[in-house]
């Protein structure tokens, strides 16, 4: 599962392929969670340096593994 560093912050996407449970953590704090078999998009907002920032974490199931796309204010910052 990816751990992405953005400045002094980290975003971690956890996916359990057996249960379908997915969690998104920001600096170790859970911001959103859900269940998905084929993929799902999770959106949350945080305040960074006095500015509101929107993150979108998208999961997609591949044939043998999960794929992830993370966007910060609509701009892709990570893809697998």
Protein backbone atom coordinates (compact mmCIF):
# COMPACT_ATOMS: atom_id res chain seq x y z
CA UNK A 1 0.00 0.00 0.00
CA UNK A 2 1.41 3.39 -0.90
CA UNK A 3 2.79 5.90 1.56
CA UNK A 4 3.19 9.27 -0.17
CA UNK A 5 5.07 12.20 1.32
CA UNK A 6 3.79 15.68 0.48
CA UNK A 7 6.02 18.29 2.07
CA UNK A 8 6.03 17.41 5.76
CA UNK A 9 2.85 15.32 5.57
CA UNK A 10 2.18 11.69 4.65
CA UNK A 11 -0.79 10.03 3.00
CA UNK A 12 -1.22 6.29 3.33
CA UNK A 13 -3.82 4.17 1.56
CA UNK A 14 -4.53 0.79 3.12
CA UNK A 15 -6.45 -1.86 1.21
CA UNK A 16 -7.43 -5.33 2.38
CA UNK A 17 -8.21 -7.37 -0.75
CA UNK A 18 -9.84 -10.16 1.28
CA UNK A 19 -12.42 -7.98 3.05
CA UNK A 20 -12.57 -5.04 0.62
CA UNK A 21 -11.94 -2.61 3.49
CA UNK A 22 -10.02 0.53 2.52
CA UNK A 23 -8.65 3.28 4.76
CA UNK A 24 -6.94 6.59 4.00
CA UNK A 25 -4.63 8.04 6.64
CA UNK A 26 -3.18 11.55 6.73
CA UNK A 27 -0.21 11.90 9.08
CA UNK A 28 -1.31 8.62 10.68
CA UNK A 29 -4.86 9.82 11.35
CA UNK A 30 -7.72 8.09 9.55
CA UNK A 31 -9.55 10.61 7.36
CA UNK A 32 -11.90 8.31 5.47
CA UNK A 33 -12.74 4.65 5.03
CA UNK A 34 -15.00 2.43 3.01
CA UNK A 35 -15.46 -0.88 1.26
CA UNK A 36 -14.81 -1.68 -2.36
CA UNK A 37 -14.26 -4.69 -4.56
CA UNK A 38 -13.56 -2.97 -7.88
CA UNK A 39 -12.31 0.43 -6.70
CA UNK A 40 -13.55 3.61 -5.16
CA UNK A 41 -12.66 7.27 -4.73
CA UNK A 42 -12.17 8.89 -1.32
CA UNK A 43 -12.07 12.65 -0.79
CA UNK A 44 -11.06 14.59 2.30
CA UNK A 45 -9.95 18.12 3.14
CA UNK A 46 -7.23 19.32 5.49
CA UNK A 47 -5.65 22.64 6.36
CA UNK A 48 -1.99 22.95 5.35
CA UNK A 49 -0.06 26.16 6.00
CA UNK A 50 -3.29 28.18 6.45
CA UNK A 51 -4.73 26.90 3.14
CA UNK A 52 -7.56 24.43 2.61
CA UNK A 53 -6.32 21.42 0.60
CA UNK A 54 -8.46 18.69 -0.99
CA UNK A 55 -7.06 15.20 -1.46
CA UNK A 56 -8.63 12.50 -3.59
CA UNK A 57 -7.43 8.93 -3.23
CA UNK A 58 -8.69 6.54 -5.88
CA UNK A 59 -8.32 2.77 -5.71
CA UNK A 60 -8.70 0.44 -8.68
CA UNK A 61 -8.50 -3.30 -8.65
CA UNK A 62 -6.25 -4.90 -11.22
CA UNK A 63 -5.92 -8.52 -12.19
CA UNK A 64 -3.29 -9.30 -9.55
CA UNK A 65 -3.02 -6.16 -7.40
CA UNK A 66 -4.57 -2.83 -6.44
CA UNK A 67 -3.67 0.41 -8.21
CA UNK A 68 -3.78 3.84 -6.61
CA UNK A 69 -4.09 7.44 -7.79
CA UNK A 70 -3.68 10.30 -5.32
CA UNK A 71 -4.57 13.88 -6.27
CA UNK A 72 -3.89 17.08 -4.35
CA UNK A 73 -6.22 19.92 -5.37
CA UNK A 74 -7.00 18.01 -8.58
CA UNK A 75 -3.36 17.43 -9.58
CA UNK A 76 -2.03 13.87 -9.65
CA UNK A 77 0.82 13.51 -7.15
CA UNK A 78 1.05 9.69 -7.14
CA UNK A 79 0.02 6.83 -9.39
CA UNK A 80 0.81 3.14 -9.30
